Amino acid sequence: MAKEPRVWQRMLSGRRLDLLNPSPLDVELDDIAHGLARVARWNGQTVGPHIFSVAQHSLLVEAIAEHLDPAMSREWRLAVLLHDAPEYVIGDIISPFKAVIGDVYKVIEERLLAAIHLHFGLPALPAAVLKRFIKRADRQAAFLEATRLAGFGREEAMKIFGRPVPLPRQVQPLLEPWAVSHAQHMYRQRVAALTVAPP
């Protein structure tokens, strides 16, 4: 009789997160921050002595979102910061590979995001208007990362990510790749600050 495949990931917190049926009770902020700080954007194909982590990317997207809507609610800010949180379990799969593997990845990603959202007191899945807003800020961040860190020319990046909007100077330091420990600390601190009852 064939043995059932293991579909859970053990976290450093001791939690076992089931990929097919993730529970909000098995989500921990420390695990998320630890994982995202160690996941490289652009498959690590970026300049500098450090990777550009998903944790740092998430902080960049929040800064851009704040510029686009300074009055956005605490819940929206938290959702922006958590938009790539499933990657602490499944990694950052680049868009071209997502196109190759199809919808299987999206199903797992959505289940994980729902569990993460519920853990932090958010609706399981973001409303359509919020998803569009996050995508807009995310694409702006991708354009900046592509042209500043990943070797893309401006014209090429515009074709893929759209035309950039002018951004304030305080966004620029977020494009200097941080050491893992700093990215982990900054991400954890920011999510905790937006969490009503820190997990």
N, C-alpha and C. Protein backbone atom coordinates (compact mmCIF):
# COMPACT_ATOMS: atom_id res chain seq x y z
N MET A 1 0.85 -1.19 0.00
CA MET A 1 0.00 0.00 0.00
C MET A 1 0.89 1.24 0.00
N ALA A 2 0.60 2.15 -0.92
CA ALA A 2 1.42 3.35 -1.04
C ALA A 2 1.24 4.26 0.16
N LYS A 3 2.34 4.83 0.61
CA LYS A 3 2.30 5.74 1.74
C LYS A 3 1.79 7.10 1.29
N GLU A 4 0.92 7.69 2.10
CA GLU A 4 0.40 9.03 1.78
C GLU A 4 1.54 10.04 1.80
N PRO A 5 1.61 10.91 0.80
CA PRO A 5 2.69 11.91 0.79
C PRO A 5 2.50 12.93 1.91
N ARG A 6 3.60 13.42 2.43
CA ARG A 6 3.54 14.46 3.47
C ARG A 6 3.22 15.79 2.80
N VAL A 7 2.18 16.46 3.29
CA VAL A 7 1.79 17.74 2.69
C VAL A 7 1.83 18.87 3.72
N TRP A 8 2.58 18.68 4.79
CA TRP A 8 2.72 19.73 5.78
C TRP A 8 4.18 20.16 5.90
N GLN A 9 4.35 21.40 6.33
CA GLN A 9 5.67 21.99 6.52
C GLN A 9 5.87 22.24 8.00
N ARG A 10 6.97 21.75 8.56
CA ARG A 10 7.29 22.06 9.96
C ARG A 10 7.97 23.42 10.03
N MET A 11 7.49 24.25 10.95
CA MET A 11 8.04 25.59 11.14
C MET A 11 8.98 25.60 12.36
N LEU A 12 9.82 26.61 12.44
CA LEU A 12 10.72 26.72 13.58
C LEU A 12 9.97 26.93 14.89
N SER A 13 8.75 27.44 14.81
CA SER A 13 7.93 27.61 16.01
C SER A 13 7.45 26.27 16.55
N GLY A 14 7.59 25.22 15.74
CA GLY A 14 7.07 23.91 16.10
C GLY A 14 5.74 23.60 15.45
N ARG A 15 5.12 24.60 14.81
CA ARG A 15 3.85 24.39 14.12
C ARG A 15 4.04 23.49 12.90
N ARG A 16 2.99 22.76 12.55
CA ARG A 16 2.98 21.97 11.32
C ARG A 16 1.85 22.53 10.46
N LEU A 17 2.22 23.19 9.37
CA LEU A 17 1.24 23.85 8.51
C LEU A 17 0.89 22.94 7.33
N ASP A 18 -0.36 22.54 7.27
CA ASP A 18 -0.86 21.68 6.21
C ASP A 18 -1.10 22.52 4.96
N LEU A 19 -0.46 22.16 3.86
CA LEU A 19 -0.59 22.95 2.63
C LEU A 19 -1.96 22.82 1.98
N LEU A 20 -2.60 21.67 2.16
CA LEU A 20 -3.90 21.46 1.53
C LEU A 20 -5.05 21.99 2.38
N ASN A 21 -4.86 22.00 3.69
CA ASN A 21 -5.91 22.48 4.59
C ASN A 21 -5.28 23.30 5.71
N PRO A 22 -4.70 24.44 5.37
CA PRO A 22 -4.00 25.24 6.39
C PRO A 22 -4.95 25.82 7.42
N SER A 23 -4.54 25.78 8.67
CA SER A 23 -5.35 26.32 9.76
C SER A 23 -4.77 27.64 10.24
N PRO A 24 -5.62 28.63 10.51
CA PRO A 24 -5.13 29.89 11.09
C PRO A 24 -4.40 29.67 12.42
N LEU A 25 -4.73 28.58 13.11
CA LEU A 25 -4.10 28.29 14.40
C LEU A 25 -2.64 27.87 14.24
N ASP A 26 -2.26 27.48 13.04
CA ASP A 26 -0.88 27.07 12.79
C ASP A 26 -0.04 28.17 12.15
N VAL A 27 -0.61 29.36 12.06
CA VAL A 27 0.10 30.51 11.50
C VAL A 27 0.73 31.30 12.65
N GLU A 28 2.00 31.65 12.51
CA GLU A 28 2.72 32.44 13.52
C GLU A 28 3.47 33.57 12.82
N LEU A 29 3.39 34.77 13.37
CA LEU A 29 4.09 35.91 12.78
C LEU A 29 5.60 35.67 12.73
N ASP A 30 6.17 35.09 13.77
CA ASP A 30 7.61 34.85 13.76
C ASP A 30 8.03 33.94 12.60
N ASP A 31 7.22 32.94 12.31
CA ASP A 31 7.52 32.05 11.18
C ASP A 31 7.45 32.80 9.86
N ILE A 32 6.42 33.64 9.72
CA ILE A 32 6.25 34.41 8.49
C ILE A 32 7.44 35.33 8.27
N ALA A 33 7.78 36.12 9.30
CA ALA A 33 8.89 37.06 9.18
C ALA A 33 10.21 36.34 8.90
N HIS A 34 10.43 35.23 9.59
CA HIS A 34 11.66 34.46 9.39
C HIS A 34 11.74 33.96 7.95
N GLY A 35 10.64 33.39 7.47
CA GLY A 35 10.63 32.82 6.13
C GLY A 35 10.76 33.87 5.03
N LEU A 36 9.95 34.92 5.12
CA LEU A 36 9.94 35.93 4.05
C LEU A 36 11.27 36.66 3.96
N ALA A 37 11.97 36.82 5.08
CA ALA A 37 13.27 37.50 5.06
C ALA A 37 14.33 36.66 4.36
N ARG A 38 14.03 35.37 4.17
CA ARG A 38 14.99 34.45 3.56
C ARG A 38 14.59 34.02 2.16
N VAL A 39 13.46 34.51 1.68
CA VAL A 39 13.01 34.21 0.32
C VAL A 39 13.42 35.36 -0.60
N ALA A 40 14.15 35.03 -1.65
CA ALA A 40 14.68 36.06 -2.55
C ALA A 40 13.69 36.38 -3.66
N ARG A 41 13.48 37.66 -3.87
CA ARG A 41 12.75 38.10 -5.06
C ARG A 41 13.63 37.87 -6.30
N TRP A 42 12.98 37.74 -7.46
CA TRP A 42 13.68 37.63 -8.74
C TRP A 42 14.63 36.42 -8.78
N ASN A 43 14.29 35.38 -8.01
CA ASN A 43 15.15 34.18 -7.93
C ASN A 43 16.58 34.53 -7.54
N GLY A 44 16.75 35.62 -6.81
CA GLY A 44 18.08 36.01 -6.37
C GLY A 44 18.91 36.74 -7.42
N GLN A 45 18.32 36.98 -8.61
CA GLN A 45 19.05 37.64 -9.69
C GLN A 45 18.96 39.16 -9.53
N THR A 46 19.55 39.64 -8.43
CA THR A 46 19.56 41.06 -8.12
C THR A 46 20.96 41.49 -7.71
N VAL A 47 21.22 42.77 -7.86
CA VAL A 47 22.55 43.30 -7.52
C VAL A 47 22.66 43.50 -6.01
N GLY A 48 23.90 43.60 -5.54
CA GLY A 48 24.14 43.90 -4.14
C GLY A 48 24.60 42.70 -3.35
N PRO A 49 25.13 42.95 -2.15
CA PRO A 49 25.68 41.86 -1.32
C PRO A 49 24.61 41.02 -0.64
N HIS A 50 23.36 41.49 -0.62
CA HIS A 50 22.27 40.76 0.02
C HIS A 50 21.17 40.47 -1.00
N ILE A 51 20.37 39.45 -0.72
CA ILE A 51 19.18 39.21 -1.54
C ILE A 51 18.21 40.36 -1.30
N PHE A 52 17.30 40.57 -2.25
CA PHE A 52 16.18 41.46 -2.02
C PHE A 52 15.02 40.56 -1.63
N SER A 53 14.69 40.56 -0.35
CA SER A 53 13.77 39.57 0.19
C SER A 53 12.31 39.95 -0.02
N VAL A 54 11.46 38.94 0.08
CA VAL A 54 10.01 39.18 0.01
C VAL A 54 9.56 40.03 1.20
N ALA A 55 10.21 39.89 2.34
CA ALA A 55 9.88 40.74 3.50
C ALA A 55 10.11 42.21 3.16
N GLN A 56 11.27 42.52 2.58
CA GLN A 56 11.57 43.90 2.22
C GLN A 56 10.66 44.39 1.10
N HIS A 57 10.38 43.52 0.14
CA HIS A 57 9.44 43.86 -0.94
C HIS A 57 8.08 44.24 -0.36
N SER A 58 7.62 43.49 0.62
CA SER A 58 6.31 43.77 1.21
C SER A 58 6.28 45.13 1.89
N LEU A 59 7.37 45.51 2.52
CA LEU A 59 7.46 46.84 3.13
C LEU A 59 7.50 47.92 2.06
N LEU A 60 8.16 47.64 0.95
CA LEU A 60 8.19 48.58 -0.17
C LEU A 60 6.79 48.77 -0.74
N VAL A 61 6.05 47.67 -0.93
CA VAL A 61 4.70 47.77 -1.46
C VAL A 61 3.81 48.57 -0.51
N GLU A 62 3.98 48.38 0.80
CA GLU A 62 3.17 49.16 1.75
C GLU A 62 3.49 50.65 1.64
N ALA A 63 4.77 50.99 1.50
CA ALA A 63 5.16 52.40 1.37
C ALA A 63 4.56 53.01 0.12
N ILE A 64 4.55 52.27 -0.97
CA ILE A 64 3.95 52.75 -2.22
C ILE A 64 2.45 52.88 -2.06
N ALA A 65 1.82 51.90 -1.42
CA ALA A 65 0.37 51.94 -1.19
C ALA A 65 -0.01 53.15 -0.35
N GLU A 66 0.82 53.47 0.64
CA GLU A 66 0.56 54.64 1.48
C GLU A 66 0.62 55.92 0.65
N HIS A 67 1.54 55.98 -0.30
CA HIS A 67 1.63 57.14 -1.17
C HIS A 67 0.39 57.23 -2.06
N LEU A 68 -0.09 56.09 -2.55
CA LEU A 68 -1.26 56.08 -3.42
C LEU A 68 -2.53 56.42 -2.66
N ASP A 69 -2.60 56.02 -1.39
CA ASP A 69 -3.79 56.29 -0.57
C ASP A 69 -3.37 56.52 0.88
N PRO A 70 -2.99 57.75 1.22
CA PRO A 70 -2.52 58.04 2.58
C PRO A 70 -3.56 57.75 3.66
N ALA A 71 -4.84 57.70 3.27
CA ALA A 71 -5.90 57.49 4.25
C ALA A 71 -6.33 56.03 4.35
N MET A 72 -5.59 55.11 3.76
CA MET A 72 -6.04 53.71 3.81
C MET A 72 -6.09 53.21 5.25
N SER A 73 -7.00 52.31 5.49
CA SER A 73 -7.26 51.83 6.85
C SER A 73 -6.16 50.90 7.34
N ARG A 74 -6.16 50.66 8.66
CA ARG A 74 -5.22 49.71 9.24
C ARG A 74 -5.38 48.34 8.61
N GLU A 75 -6.61 47.91 8.38
CA GLU A 75 -6.86 46.60 7.78
C GLU A 75 -6.27 46.50 6.38
N TRP A 76 -6.41 47.56 5.59
CA TRP A 76 -5.84 47.55 4.24
C TRP A 76 -4.31 47.50 4.31
N ARG A 77 -3.72 48.28 5.22
CA ARG A 77 -2.27 48.27 5.36
C ARG A 77 -1.77 46.86 5.70
N LEU A 78 -2.48 46.21 6.62
CA LEU A 78 -2.10 44.87 7.03
C LEU A 78 -2.23 43.89 5.86
N ALA A 79 -3.31 44.02 5.11
CA ALA A 79 -3.51 43.15 3.94
C ALA A 79 -2.41 43.37 2.91
N VAL A 80 -1.99 44.62 2.73
CA VAL A 80 -0.88 44.91 1.80
C VAL A 80 0.39 44.21 2.27
N LEU A 81 0.70 44.32 3.55
CA LEU A 81 1.91 43.69 4.09
C LEU A 81 1.88 42.17 3.98
N LEU A 82 0.69 41.60 4.02
CA LEU A 82 0.55 40.15 4.00
C LEU A 82 0.29 39.60 2.60
N HIS A 83 0.31 40.46 1.58
CA HIS A 83 -0.13 40.00 0.25
C HIS A 83 0.73 38.86 -0.30
N ASP A 84 1.99 38.80 0.08
CA ASP A 84 2.87 37.71 -0.37
C ASP A 84 3.23 36.76 0.77
N ALA A 85 2.51 36.85 1.89
CA ALA A 85 2.85 36.03 3.06
C ALA A 85 2.85 34.53 2.79
N PRO A 86 2.00 33.99 1.90
CA PRO A 86 2.08 32.55 1.64
C PRO A 86 3.46 32.08 1.19
N GLU A 87 4.27 32.99 0.70
CA GLU A 87 5.59 32.62 0.20
C GLU A 87 6.54 32.20 1.32
N TYR A 88 6.16 32.43 2.58
CA TYR A 88 7.00 31.93 3.67
C TYR A 88 6.95 30.40 3.71
N VAL A 89 5.95 29.82 3.08
CA VAL A 89 5.80 28.37 3.01
C VAL A 89 6.19 27.84 1.63
N ILE A 90 5.73 28.50 0.58
CA ILE A 90 5.87 27.94 -0.77
C ILE A 90 6.90 28.66 -1.64
N GLY A 91 7.56 29.68 -1.08
CA GLY A 91 8.59 30.37 -1.82
C GLY A 91 8.01 31.36 -2.82
N ASP A 92 8.89 32.13 -3.43
CA ASP A 92 8.49 33.13 -4.42
C ASP A 92 8.70 32.54 -5.81
N ILE A 93 7.62 32.07 -6.40
CA ILE A 93 7.71 31.51 -7.74
C ILE A 93 7.56 32.65 -8.75
N ILE A 94 8.53 32.80 -9.64
CA ILE A 94 8.50 33.91 -10.58
C ILE A 94 7.32 33.77 -11.54
N SER A 95 6.81 34.90 -12.00
CA SER A 95 5.62 34.92 -12.85
C SER A 95 5.71 34.01 -14.08
N PRO A 96 6.85 33.97 -14.78
CA PRO A 96 6.91 33.07 -15.94
C PRO A 96 6.68 31.61 -15.58
N PHE A 97 7.18 31.18 -14.41
CA PHE A 97 6.98 29.79 -14.00
C PHE A 97 5.53 29.56 -13.56
N LYS A 98 4.91 30.56 -12.92
CA LYS A 98 3.49 30.44 -12.57
C LYS A 98 2.66 30.20 -13.82
N ALA A 99 3.03 30.89 -14.90
CA ALA A 99 2.30 30.72 -16.16
C ALA A 99 2.45 29.30 -16.69
N VAL A 100 3.58 28.67 -16.42
CA VAL A 100 3.83 27.31 -16.89
C VAL A 100 3.03 26.29 -16.07
N ILE A 101 3.00 26.45 -14.75
CA ILE A 101 2.38 25.41 -13.92
C ILE A 101 0.88 25.61 -13.75
N GLY A 102 0.35 26.79 -14.07
CA GLY A 102 -1.10 26.98 -14.09
C GLY A 102 -1.74 27.20 -12.73
N ASP A 103 -3.00 26.74 -12.61
CA ASP A 103 -3.84 27.13 -11.48
C ASP A 103 -3.56 26.38 -10.19
N VAL A 104 -2.83 25.28 -10.23
CA VAL A 104 -2.56 24.52 -9.01
C VAL A 104 -1.90 25.40 -7.97
N TYR A 105 -0.92 26.18 -8.40
CA TYR A 105 -0.21 27.07 -7.48
C TYR A 105 -1.18 28.07 -6.85
N LYS A 106 -2.08 28.64 -7.67
CA LYS A 106 -3.00 29.66 -7.18
C LYS A 106 -3.93 29.12 -6.10
N VAL A 107 -4.38 27.88 -6.27
CA VAL A 107 -5.28 27.27 -5.28
C VAL A 107 -4.59 27.16 -3.92
N ILE A 108 -3.37 26.64 -3.92
CA ILE A 108 -2.62 26.49 -2.67
C ILE A 108 -2.33 27.85 -2.06
N GLU A 109 -1.92 28.80 -2.90
CA GLU A 109 -1.61 30.15 -2.43
C GLU A 109 -2.83 30.81 -1.79
N GLU A 110 -4.00 30.67 -2.40
CA GLU A 110 -5.22 31.28 -1.86
C GLU A 110 -5.61 30.65 -0.54
N ARG A 111 -5.46 29.34 -0.41
CA ARG A 111 -5.78 28.69 0.86
C ARG A 111 -4.86 29.17 1.98
N LEU A 112 -3.59 29.29 1.67
CA LEU A 112 -2.63 29.79 2.66
C LEU A 112 -2.94 31.23 3.04
N LEU A 113 -3.23 32.06 2.03
CA LEU A 113 -3.53 33.47 2.31
C LEU A 113 -4.78 33.58 3.17
N ALA A 114 -5.77 32.76 2.91
CA ALA A 114 -7.00 32.80 3.72
C ALA A 114 -6.70 32.46 5.18
N ALA A 115 -5.89 31.43 5.41
CA ALA A 115 -5.53 31.06 6.79
C ALA A 115 -4.75 32.18 7.47
N ILE A 116 -3.84 32.80 6.72
CA ILE A 116 -3.04 33.90 7.28
C ILE A 116 -3.93 35.08 7.62
N HIS A 117 -4.82 35.44 6.70
CA HIS A 117 -5.74 36.55 6.95
C HIS A 117 -6.59 36.30 8.18
N LEU A 118 -7.15 35.11 8.30
CA LEU A 118 -8.00 34.79 9.45
C LEU A 118 -7.21 34.86 10.75
N HIS A 119 -5.96 34.42 10.71
CA HIS A 119 -5.10 34.51 11.90
C HIS A 119 -4.97 35.94 12.39
N PHE A 120 -4.87 36.87 11.44
CA PHE A 120 -4.67 38.27 11.80
C PHE A 120 -5.99 39.06 11.87
N GLY A 121 -7.11 38.37 11.83
CA GLY A 121 -8.40 39.03 12.01
C GLY A 121 -8.93 39.73 10.78
N LEU A 122 -8.43 39.36 9.61
CA LEU A 122 -8.89 39.94 8.35
C LEU A 122 -9.86 38.97 7.67
N PRO A 123 -10.69 39.46 6.74
CA PRO A 123 -11.50 38.54 5.94
C PRO A 123 -10.60 37.53 5.23
N ALA A 124 -11.11 36.32 5.04
CA ALA A 124 -10.30 35.25 4.46
C ALA A 124 -9.63 35.66 3.15
N LEU A 125 -10.40 36.28 2.28
CA LEU A 125 -9.84 36.77 1.02
C LEU A 125 -10.18 38.25 0.86
N PRO A 126 -9.26 39.04 0.33
CA PRO A 126 -9.51 40.48 0.19
C PRO A 126 -10.61 40.76 -0.82
N ALA A 127 -11.33 41.84 -0.60
CA ALA A 127 -12.35 42.28 -1.56
C ALA A 127 -11.68 42.63 -2.88
N ALA A 128 -12.48 42.59 -3.95
CA ALA A 128 -11.94 42.84 -5.30
C ALA A 128 -11.25 44.20 -5.39
N VAL A 129 -11.84 45.21 -4.76
CA VAL A 129 -11.26 46.56 -4.84
C VAL A 129 -9.91 46.60 -4.14
N LEU A 130 -9.77 45.88 -3.05
CA LEU A 130 -8.49 45.83 -2.34
C LEU A 130 -7.47 45.03 -3.14
N LYS A 131 -7.88 43.93 -3.75
CA LYS A 131 -6.96 43.16 -4.59
C LYS A 131 -6.41 44.00 -5.73
N ARG A 132 -7.28 44.81 -6.35
CA ARG A 132 -6.81 45.68 -7.44
C ARG A 132 -5.83 46.73 -6.92
N PHE A 133 -6.11 47.27 -5.75
CA PHE A 133 -5.23 48.27 -5.16
C PHE A 133 -3.87 47.68 -4.83
N ILE A 134 -3.87 46.49 -4.22
CA ILE A 134 -2.61 45.82 -3.90
C ILE A 134 -1.82 45.53 -5.18
N LYS A 135 -2.52 45.06 -6.21
CA LYS A 135 -1.85 44.75 -7.48
C LYS A 135 -1.21 46.00 -8.08
N ARG A 136 -1.91 47.13 -7.97
CA ARG A 136 -1.35 48.39 -8.49
C ARG A 136 -0.06 48.76 -7.77
N ALA A 137 -0.07 48.71 -6.45
CA ALA A 137 1.13 49.03 -5.68
C ALA A 137 2.23 48.00 -5.93
N ASP A 138 1.84 46.74 -6.04
CA ASP A 138 2.79 45.66 -6.27
C ASP A 138 3.50 45.83 -7.61
N ARG A 139 2.76 46.22 -8.64
CA ARG A 139 3.37 46.42 -9.96
C ARG A 139 4.32 47.61 -9.96
N GLN A 140 4.00 48.65 -9.20
CA GLN A 140 4.91 49.78 -9.07
C GLN A 140 6.21 49.33 -8.41
N ALA A 141 6.08 48.51 -7.36
CA ALA A 141 7.27 47.99 -6.68
C ALA A 141 8.08 47.11 -7.62
N ALA A 142 7.38 46.27 -8.40
CA ALA A 142 8.08 45.39 -9.34
C ALA A 142 8.85 46.19 -10.38
N PHE A 143 8.26 47.28 -10.85
CA PHE A 143 8.97 48.13 -11.83
C PHE A 143 10.27 48.67 -11.22
N LEU A 144 10.19 49.19 -9.99
CA LEU A 144 11.37 49.74 -9.34
C LEU A 144 12.43 48.67 -9.11
N GLU A 145 12.00 47.52 -8.62
CA GLU A 145 12.94 46.43 -8.38
C GLU A 145 13.58 45.97 -9.68
N ALA A 146 12.76 45.86 -10.72
CA ALA A 146 13.26 45.38 -12.01
C ALA A 146 14.35 46.30 -12.55
N THR A 147 14.11 47.61 -12.49
CA THR A 147 15.03 48.56 -13.09
C THR A 147 16.21 48.91 -12.19
N ARG A 148 16.03 48.87 -10.88
CA ARG A 148 17.11 49.23 -9.95
C ARG A 148 17.96 48.04 -9.54
N LEU A 149 17.33 46.85 -9.51
CA LEU A 149 18.03 45.71 -8.93
C LEU A 149 18.20 44.52 -9.86
N ALA A 150 17.27 44.33 -10.80
CA ALA A 150 17.23 43.07 -11.54
C ALA A 150 17.67 43.19 -13.01
N GLY A 151 18.25 44.32 -13.39
CA GLY A 151 18.86 44.43 -14.71
C GLY A 151 17.94 44.74 -15.86
N PHE A 152 16.68 45.09 -15.61
CA PHE A 152 15.75 45.44 -16.68
C PHE A 152 15.99 46.87 -17.14
N GLY A 153 15.85 47.11 -18.44
CA GLY A 153 15.82 48.47 -18.96
C GLY A 153 14.45 49.09 -18.69
N ARG A 154 14.40 50.41 -18.69
CA ARG A 154 13.16 51.11 -18.39
C ARG A 154 12.04 50.75 -19.37
N GLU A 155 12.34 50.75 -20.66
CA GLU A 155 11.31 50.47 -21.66
C GLU A 155 10.78 49.04 -21.53
N GLU A 156 11.69 48.11 -21.30
CA GLU A 156 11.29 46.72 -21.13
C GLU A 156 10.39 46.57 -19.90
N ALA A 157 10.78 47.21 -18.80
CA ALA A 157 10.00 47.13 -17.57
C ALA A 157 8.63 47.76 -17.73
N MET A 158 8.55 48.85 -18.48
CA MET A 158 7.25 49.50 -18.70
C MET A 158 6.30 48.59 -19.46
N LYS A 159 6.83 47.82 -20.42
CA LYS A 159 5.98 46.90 -21.18
C LYS A 159 5.40 45.81 -20.29
N ILE A 160 6.17 45.40 -19.30
CA ILE A 160 5.75 44.29 -18.43
C ILE A 160 4.94 44.76 -17.23
N PHE A 161 5.38 45.85 -16.60
CA PHE A 161 4.79 46.27 -15.32
C PHE A 161 3.98 47.55 -15.40
N GLY A 162 3.99 48.22 -16.55
CA GLY A 162 3.24 49.46 -16.69
C GLY A 162 4.08 50.67 -16.37
N ARG A 163 3.50 51.84 -16.64
CA ARG A 163 4.21 53.10 -16.43
C ARG A 163 4.28 53.44 -14.95
N PRO A 164 5.46 53.79 -14.43
CA PRO A 164 5.58 54.11 -13.01
C PRO A 164 4.98 55.47 -12.68
N VAL A 165 4.61 55.64 -11.42
CA VAL A 165 4.14 56.94 -10.95
C VAL A 165 5.26 57.57 -10.13
N PRO A 166 5.31 58.91 -10.06
CA PRO A 166 6.32 59.55 -9.23
C PRO A 166 6.12 59.16 -7.77
N LEU A 167 7.21 58.81 -7.10
CA LEU A 167 7.12 58.38 -5.71
C LEU A 167 8.00 59.26 -4.83
N PRO A 168 7.65 59.40 -3.56
CA PRO A 168 8.43 60.25 -2.66
C PRO A 168 9.81 59.67 -2.37
N ARG A 169 10.71 60.53 -1.93
CA ARG A 169 12.09 60.10 -1.69
C ARG A 169 12.21 59.02 -0.62
N GLN A 170 11.28 59.02 0.35
CA GLN A 170 11.40 58.05 1.45
C GLN A 170 11.23 56.61 0.99
N VAL A 171 10.77 56.41 -0.25
CA VAL A 171 10.66 55.06 -0.79
C VAL A 171 12.03 54.52 -1.20
N GLN A 172 12.93 55.40 -1.59
CA GLN A 172 14.22 54.99 -2.17
C GLN A 172 15.05 54.08 -1.26
N PRO A 173 15.17 54.37 0.05
CA PRO A 173 15.99 53.48 0.90
C PRO A 173 15.48 52.04 0.95
N LEU A 174 14.21 51.85 0.64
CA LEU A 174 13.64 50.50 0.67
C LEU A 174 14.11 49.66 -0.52
N LEU A 175 14.82 50.28 -1.46
CA LEU A 175 15.35 49.57 -2.61
C LEU A 175 16.81 49.15 -2.42
N GLU A 176 17.38 49.45 -1.25
CA GLU A 176 18.73 49.00 -0.92
C GLU A 176 18.59 47.68 -0.17
N PRO A 177 18.98 46.55 -0.78
CA PRO A 177 18.77 45.25 -0.13
C PRO A 177 19.38 45.17 1.27
N TRP A 178 18.58 44.67 2.20
CA TRP A 178 18.98 44.58 3.61
C TRP A 178 19.51 43.19 3.94
N ALA A 179 20.28 43.14 5.02
CA ALA A 179 20.67 41.86 5.58
C ALA A 179 19.41 41.12 6.05
N VAL A 180 19.47 39.81 6.04
CA VAL A 180 18.31 38.99 6.40
C VAL A 180 17.76 39.36 7.77
N SER A 181 18.64 39.49 8.76
CA SER A 181 18.18 39.77 10.13
C SER A 181 17.45 41.10 10.22
N HIS A 182 17.91 42.09 9.45
CA HIS A 182 17.26 43.41 9.47
C HIS A 182 15.90 43.34 8.79
N ALA A 183 15.83 42.67 7.65
CA ALA A 183 14.55 42.52 6.94
C ALA A 183 13.54 41.79 7.82
N GLN A 184 13.98 40.75 8.49
CA GLN A 184 13.10 39.98 9.37
C GLN A 184 12.57 40.86 10.50
N HIS A 185 13.44 41.61 11.14
CA HIS A 185 13.05 42.47 12.25
C HIS A 185 12.08 43.56 11.79
N MET A 186 12.40 44.22 10.71
CA MET A 186 11.58 45.33 10.24
C MET A 186 10.19 44.86 9.81
N TYR A 187 10.13 43.71 9.15
CA TYR A 187 8.84 43.18 8.72
C TYR A 187 8.00 42.77 9.93
N ARG A 188 8.61 42.04 10.84
CA ARG A 188 7.87 41.58 12.02
C ARG A 188 7.34 42.77 12.82
N GLN A 189 8.19 43.76 12.99
CA GLN A 189 7.81 44.94 13.77
C GLN A 189 6.64 45.67 13.12
N ARG A 190 6.66 45.79 11.81
CA ARG A 190 5.61 46.54 11.12
C ARG A 190 4.28 45.78 11.17
N VAL A 191 4.31 44.47 10.95
CA VAL A 191 3.06 43.69 11.01
C VAL A 191 2.51 43.71 12.43
N ALA A 192 3.37 43.54 13.41
CA ALA A 192 2.92 43.55 14.80
C ALA A 192 2.27 44.89 15.18
N ALA A 193 2.83 45.99 14.64
CA ALA A 193 2.30 47.32 14.95
C ALA A 193 0.88 47.50 14.39
N LEU A 194 0.57 46.78 13.33
CA LEU A 194 -0.75 46.91 12.70
C LEU A 194 -1.74 45.83 13.17
N THR A 195 -1.27 44.97 14.05
CA THR A 195 -2.12 43.89 14.55
C THR A 195 -2.76 44.33 15.86
N VAL A 196 -4.07 44.27 15.93
CA VAL A 196 -4.78 44.73 17.13
C VAL A 196 -4.34 43.95 18.35
N ALA A 197 -4.34 42.65 18.27
CA ALA A 197 -3.86 41.81 19.37
C ALA A 197 -2.70 41.00 18.82
N PRO A 198 -1.44 41.45 19.02
CA PRO A 198 -0.30 40.77 18.42
C PRO A 198 -0.33 39.28 18.69
N PRO A 199 -0.15 38.46 17.65
CA PRO A 199 -0.22 37.01 17.82
C PRO A 199 1.00 36.50 18.57
